Amino acid sequence: MMADMPHWVPPQKPDMMQQIREMEEREKQRNSHRQTDNTNTTKGMNPMEFFTKYAVKD
């Protein structure tokens, strides 16, 4: 009966190569997000950059 008893199996940890691939994929997503932010949108823009770009010069 002990052989049929349920037991907890820890989840497998990703190996080093899989972690590197995941980090590279996240970096690609961040870079593509930055490129879309630069095209006439102000979402996610640095406040200092926003005010220096759109400030009215007296």
PDB file of N, CA and C in Angstrom:
ATOM      1  N   MET A   1       0.816  -1.196   0.000  1.00  0.00           N
ATOM      2  CA  MET A   1       0.000   0.000   0.000  1.00  0.00           C
ATOM      3  C   MET A   1       0.863   1.264   0.000  1.00  0.00           C
ATOM      4  N   MET A   2       2.032   1.192   0.524  1.00  0.00           N
ATOM      5  CA  MET A   2       2.909   2.369   0.542  1.00  0.00           C
ATOM      6  C   MET A   2       3.326   2.778  -0.869  1.00  0.00           C
ATOM      7  N   ALA A   3       3.417   1.828  -1.779  1.00  0.00           N
ATOM      8  CA  ALA A   3       3.804   2.156  -3.152  1.00  0.00           C
ATOM      9  C   ALA A   3       2.719   2.954  -3.861  1.00  0.00           C
ATOM     10  N   ASP A   4       1.459   2.797  -3.465  1.00  0.00           N
ATOM     11  CA  ASP A   4       0.362   3.517  -4.086  1.00  0.00           C
ATOM     12  C   ASP A   4       0.094   4.862  -3.426  1.00  0.00           C
ATOM     13  N   MET A   5       0.780   5.147  -2.358  1.00  0.00           N
ATOM     14  CA  MET A   5       0.555   6.380  -1.612  1.00  0.00           C
ATOM     15  C   MET A   5       1.044   7.587  -2.432  1.00  0.00           C
ATOM     16  N   PRO A   6       0.223   8.645  -2.541  1.00  0.00           N
ATOM     17  CA  PRO A   6       0.681   9.820  -3.309  1.00  0.00           C
ATOM     18  C   PRO A   6       1.847  10.502  -2.594  1.00  0.00           C
ATOM     19  N   HIS A   7       2.716  11.073  -3.375  1.00  0.00           N
ATOM     20  CA  HIS A   7       3.848  11.784  -2.801  1.00  0.00           C
ATOM     21  C   HIS A   7       4.111  13.053  -3.597  1.00  0.00           C
ATOM     22  N   TRP A   8       4.725  14.020  -2.941  1.00  0.00           N
ATOM     23  CA  TRP A   8       5.012  15.308  -3.560  1.00  0.00           C
ATOM     24  C   TRP A   8       6.326  15.233  -4.316  1.00  0.00           C
ATOM     25  N   VAL A   9       6.287  15.701  -5.555  1.00  0.00           N
ATOM     26  CA  VAL A   9       7.484  15.743  -6.378  1.00  0.00           C
ATOM     27  C   VAL A   9       7.812  17.211  -6.610  1.00  0.00           C
ATOM     28  N   PRO A  10       8.989  17.660  -6.209  1.00  0.00           N
ATOM     29  CA  PRO A  10       9.322  19.079  -6.407  1.00  0.00           C
ATOM     30  C   PRO A  10       9.417  19.408  -7.899  1.00  0.00           C
ATOM     31  N   PRO A  11       9.006  20.625  -8.260  1.00  0.00           N
ATOM     32  CA  PRO A  11       9.093  20.998  -9.676  1.00  0.00           C
ATOM     33  C   PRO A  11      10.550  21.059 -10.125  1.00  0.00           C
ATOM     34  N   GLN A  12      10.756  20.765 -11.395  1.00  0.00           N
ATOM     35  CA  GLN A  12      12.120  20.789 -11.916  1.00  0.00           C
ATOM     36  C   GLN A  12      12.576  22.232 -12.086  1.00  0.00           C
ATOM     37  N   LYS A  13      13.773  22.500 -11.657  1.00  0.00           N
ATOM     38  CA  LYS A  13      14.347  23.818 -11.833  1.00  0.00           C
ATOM     39  C   LYS A  13      14.882  23.916 -13.261  1.00  0.00           C
ATOM     40  N   PRO A  14      14.689  25.073 -13.908  1.00  0.00           N
ATOM     41  CA  PRO A  14      15.216  25.208 -15.268  1.00  0.00           C
ATOM     42  C   PRO A  14      16.741  25.181 -15.262  1.00  0.00           C
ATOM     43  N   ASP A  15      17.312  24.561 -16.280  1.00  0.00           N
ATOM     44  CA  ASP A  15      18.765  24.504 -16.363  1.00  0.00           C
ATOM     45  C   ASP A  15      19.311  25.861 -16.801  1.00  0.00           C
ATOM     46  N   MET A  16      20.608  25.997 -16.783  1.00  0.00           N
ATOM     47  CA  MET A  16      21.264  27.270 -17.067  1.00  0.00           C
ATOM     48  C   MET A  16      20.947  27.780 -18.471  1.00  0.00           C
ATOM     49  N   MET A  17      20.957  26.900 -19.467  1.00  0.00           N
ATOM     50  CA  MET A  17      20.685  27.323 -20.843  1.00  0.00           C
ATOM     51  C   MET A  17      19.241  27.824 -20.988  1.00  0.00           C
ATOM     52  N   GLN A  18      18.305  27.172 -20.322  1.00  0.00           N
ATOM     53  CA  GLN A  18      16.914  27.609 -20.394  1.00  0.00           C
ATOM     54  C   GLN A  18      16.752  28.968 -19.714  1.00  0.00           C
ATOM     55  N   GLN A  19      17.437  29.195 -18.605  1.00  0.00           N
ATOM     56  CA  GLN A  19      17.383  30.493 -17.939  1.00  0.00           C
ATOM     57  C   GLN A  19      17.955  31.583 -18.835  1.00  0.00           C
ATOM     58  N   ILE A  20      19.047  31.279 -19.527  1.00  0.00           N
ATOM     59  CA  ILE A  20      19.661  32.258 -20.420  1.00  0.00           C
ATOM     60  C   ILE A  20      18.712  32.594 -21.564  1.00  0.00           C
ATOM     61  N   ARG A  21      18.065  31.569 -22.154  1.00  0.00           N
ATOM     62  CA  ARG A  21      17.110  31.820 -23.232  1.00  0.00           C
ATOM     63  C   ARG A  21      15.938  32.690 -22.766  1.00  0.00           C
ATOM     64  N   GLU A  22      15.440  32.416 -21.545  1.00  0.00           N
ATOM     65  CA  GLU A  22      14.336  33.205 -21.009  1.00  0.00           C
ATOM     66  C   GLU A  22      14.763  34.650 -20.773  1.00  0.00           C
ATOM     67  N   MET A  23      15.980  34.853 -20.272  1.00  0.00           N
ATOM     68  CA  MET A  23      16.478  36.211 -20.051  1.00  0.00           C
ATOM     69  C   MET A  23      16.649  36.950 -21.365  1.00  0.00           C
ATOM     70  N   GLU A  24      17.149  36.269 -22.391  1.00  0.00           N
ATOM     71  CA  GLU A  24      17.306  36.904 -23.701  1.00  0.00           C
ATOM     72  C   GLU A  24      15.950  37.275 -24.287  1.00  0.00           C
ATOM     73  N   GLU A  25      14.952  36.416 -24.110  1.00  0.00           N
ATOM     74  CA  GLU A  25      13.610  36.702 -24.621  1.00  0.00           C
ATOM     75  C   GLU A  25      13.014  37.913 -23.904  1.00  0.00           C
ATOM     76  N   ARG A  26      13.191  37.990 -22.586  1.00  0.00           N
ATOM     77  CA  ARG A  26      12.698  39.158 -21.850  1.00  0.00           C
ATOM     78  C   ARG A  26      13.400  40.434 -22.306  1.00  0.00           C
ATOM     79  N   GLU A  27      14.699  40.346 -22.571  1.00  0.00           N
ATOM     80  CA  GLU A  27      15.452  41.514 -23.027  1.00  0.00           C
ATOM     81  C   GLU A  27      14.965  41.959 -24.400  1.00  0.00           C
ATOM     82  N   LYS A  28      14.656  41.011 -25.288  1.00  0.00           N
ATOM     83  CA  LYS A  28      14.115  41.358 -26.607  1.00  0.00           C
ATOM     84  C   LYS A  28      12.776  42.061 -26.474  1.00  0.00           C
ATOM     85  N   GLN A  29      11.933  41.584 -25.558  1.00  0.00           N
ATOM     86  CA  GLN A  29      10.633  42.216 -25.349  1.00  0.00           C
ATOM     87  C   GLN A  29      10.797  43.623 -24.799  1.00  0.00           C
ATOM     88  N   ARG A  30      11.755  43.815 -23.896  1.00  0.00           N
ATOM     89  CA  ARG A  30      11.995  45.162 -23.359  1.00  0.00           C
ATOM     90  C   ARG A  30      12.482  46.098 -24.457  1.00  0.00           C
ATOM     91  N   ASN A  31      13.397  45.620 -25.292  1.00  0.00           N
ATOM     92  CA  ASN A  31      13.933  46.453 -26.362  1.00  0.00           C
ATOM     93  C   ASN A  31      12.862  46.809 -27.386  1.00  0.00           C
ATOM     94  N   SER A  32      12.003  45.871 -27.728  1.00  0.00           N
ATOM     95  CA  SER A  32      10.945  46.172 -28.693  1.00  0.00           C
ATOM     96  C   SER A  32       9.942  47.135 -28.079  1.00  0.00           C
ATOM     97  N   HIS A  33       9.725  47.058 -26.771  1.00  0.00           N
ATOM     98  CA  HIS A  33       8.816  47.979 -26.090  1.00  0.00           C
ATOM     99  C   HIS A  33       9.393  49.391 -26.107  1.00  0.00           C
ATOM    100  N   ARG A  34      10.695  49.521 -25.923  1.00  0.00           N
ATOM    101  CA  ARG A  34      11.335  50.840 -25.952  1.00  0.00           C
ATOM    102  C   ARG A  34      11.230  51.465 -27.331  1.00  0.00           C
ATOM    103  N   GLN A  35      11.370  50.679 -28.373  1.00  0.00           N
ATOM    104  CA  GLN A  35      11.286  51.211 -29.726  1.00  0.00           C
ATOM    105  C   GLN A  35       9.891  51.730 -30.019  1.00  0.00           C
ATOM    106  N   THR A  36       8.844  51.075 -29.537  1.00  0.00           N
ATOM    107  CA  THR A  36       7.486  51.547 -29.776  1.00  0.00           C
ATOM    108  C   THR A  36       7.188  52.784 -28.953  1.00  0.00           C
ATOM    109  N   ASP A  37       7.839  52.957 -27.798  1.00  0.00           N
ATOM    110  CA  ASP A  37       7.620  54.144 -26.983  1.00  0.00           C
ATOM    111  C   ASP A  37       8.159  55.401 -27.660  1.00  0.00           C
ATOM    112  N   ASN A  38       9.173  55.263 -28.479  1.00  0.00           N
ATOM    113  CA  ASN A  38       9.793  56.422 -29.108  1.00  0.00           C
ATOM    114  C   ASN A  38       9.003  56.956 -30.294  1.00  0.00           C
ATOM    115  N   THR A  39       7.966  56.290 -30.724  1.00  0.00           N
ATOM    116  CA  THR A  39       7.221  56.707 -31.902  1.00  0.00           C
ATOM    117  C   THR A  39       5.960  57.461 -31.513  1.00  0.00           C
ATOM    118  N   ASN A  40       6.101  58.761 -31.252  1.00  0.00           N
ATOM    119  CA  ASN A  40       4.990  59.681 -31.004  1.00  0.00           C
ATOM    120  C   ASN A  40       4.071  59.263 -29.864  1.00  0.00           C
ATOM    121  N   THR A  41       4.533  58.549 -28.909  1.00  0.00           N
ATOM    122  CA  THR A  41       3.736  58.227 -27.734  1.00  0.00           C
ATOM    123  C   THR A  41       4.482  58.693 -26.506  1.00  0.00           C
ATOM    124  N   THR A  42       3.741  59.074 -25.492  1.00  0.00           N
ATOM    125  CA  THR A  42       4.374  59.544 -24.262  1.00  0.00           C
ATOM    126  C   THR A  42       4.192  58.550 -23.136  1.00  0.00           C
ATOM    127  N   LYS A  43       3.562  57.424 -23.375  1.00  0.00           N
ATOM    128  CA  LYS A  43       3.366  56.425 -22.326  1.00  0.00           C
ATOM    129  C   LYS A  43       4.711  55.832 -21.934  1.00  0.00           C
ATOM    130  N   GLY A  44       4.986  55.837 -20.650  1.00  0.00           N
ATOM    131  CA  GLY A  44       6.226  55.278 -20.155  1.00  0.00           C
ATOM    132  C   GLY A  44       7.428  56.188 -20.336  1.00  0.00           C
ATOM    133  N   MET A  45       7.203  57.426 -20.732  1.00  0.00           N
ATOM    134  CA  MET A  45       8.310  58.346 -20.954  1.00  0.00           C
ATOM    135  C   MET A  45       8.811  58.895 -19.623  1.00  0.00           C
ATOM    136  N   ASN A  46      10.081  59.119 -19.539  1.00  0.00           N
ATOM    137  CA  ASN A  46      10.697  59.727 -18.379  1.00  0.00           C
ATOM    138  C   ASN A  46      10.117  61.139 -18.208  1.00  0.00           C
ATOM    139  N   PRO A  47       9.653  61.535 -17.005  1.00  0.00           N
ATOM    140  CA  PRO A  47       9.056  62.863 -16.827  1.00  0.00           C
ATOM    141  C   PRO A  47       9.995  64.002 -17.211  1.00  0.00           C
ATOM    142  N   MET A  48      11.263  63.871 -16.890  1.00  0.00           N
ATOM    143  CA  MET A  48      12.216  64.928 -17.238  1.00  0.00           C
ATOM    144  C   MET A  48      12.345  65.047 -18.745  1.00  0.00           C
ATOM    145  N   GLU A  49      12.385  63.919 -19.431  1.00  0.00           N
ATOM    146  CA  GLU A  49      12.464  63.917 -20.890  1.00  0.00           C
ATOM    147  C   GLU A  49      11.208  64.534 -21.490  1.00  0.00           C
ATOM    148  N   PHE A  50      10.050  64.236 -20.915  1.00  0.00           N
ATOM    149  CA  PHE A  50       8.784  64.778 -21.400  1.00  0.00           C
ATOM    150  C   PHE A  50       8.777  66.297 -21.309  1.00  0.00           C
ATOM    151  N   PHE A  51       9.140  66.828 -20.130  1.00  0.00           N
ATOM    152  CA  PHE A  51       9.059  68.271 -19.942  1.00  0.00           C
ATOM    153  C   PHE A  51      10.121  69.018 -20.726  1.00  0.00           C
ATOM    154  N   THR A  52      11.294  68.426 -20.923  1.00  0.00           N
ATOM    155  CA  THR A  52      12.310  69.122 -21.714  1.00  0.00           C
ATOM    156  C   THR A  52      11.948  69.076 -23.198  1.00  0.00           C
ATOM    157  N   LYS A  53      11.245  68.043 -23.627  1.00  0.00           N
ATOM    158  CA  LYS A  53      10.875  67.925 -25.036  1.00  0.00           C
ATOM    159  C   LYS A  53       9.674  68.817 -25.371  1.00  0.00           C
ATOM    160  N   TYR A  54       8.691  68.871 -24.463  1.00  0.00           N
ATOM    161  CA  TYR A  54       7.444  69.564 -24.748  1.00  0.00           C
ATOM    162  C   TYR A  54       7.292  70.890 -24.003  1.00  0.00           C
ATOM    163  N   ALA A  55       8.338  71.355 -23.358  1.00  0.00           N
ATOM    164  CA  ALA A  55       8.258  72.602 -22.614  1.00  0.00           C
ATOM    165  C   ALA A  55       8.120  73.780 -23.580  1.00  0.00           C
ATOM    166  N   VAL A  56       7.327  74.765 -23.170  1.00  0.00           N
ATOM    167  CA  VAL A  56       7.163  75.971 -23.972  1.00  0.00           C
ATOM    168  C   VAL A  56       8.319  76.905 -23.636  1.00  0.00           C
ATOM    169  N   LYS A  57       9.050  77.302 -24.651  1.00  0.00           N
ATOM    170  CA  LYS A  57      10.191  78.184 -24.425  1.00  0.00           C
ATOM    171  C   LYS A  57       9.729  79.635 -24.454  1.00  0.00           C
ATOM    172  N   ASP A  58      10.073  80.355 -23.392  1.00  0.00           N
ATOM    173  CA  ASP A  58       9.672  81.774 -23.300  1.00  0.00           C
ATOM    174  C   ASP A  58      10.653  82.675 -23.979  1.00  0.00           C
TER     175      ASP A  58
END
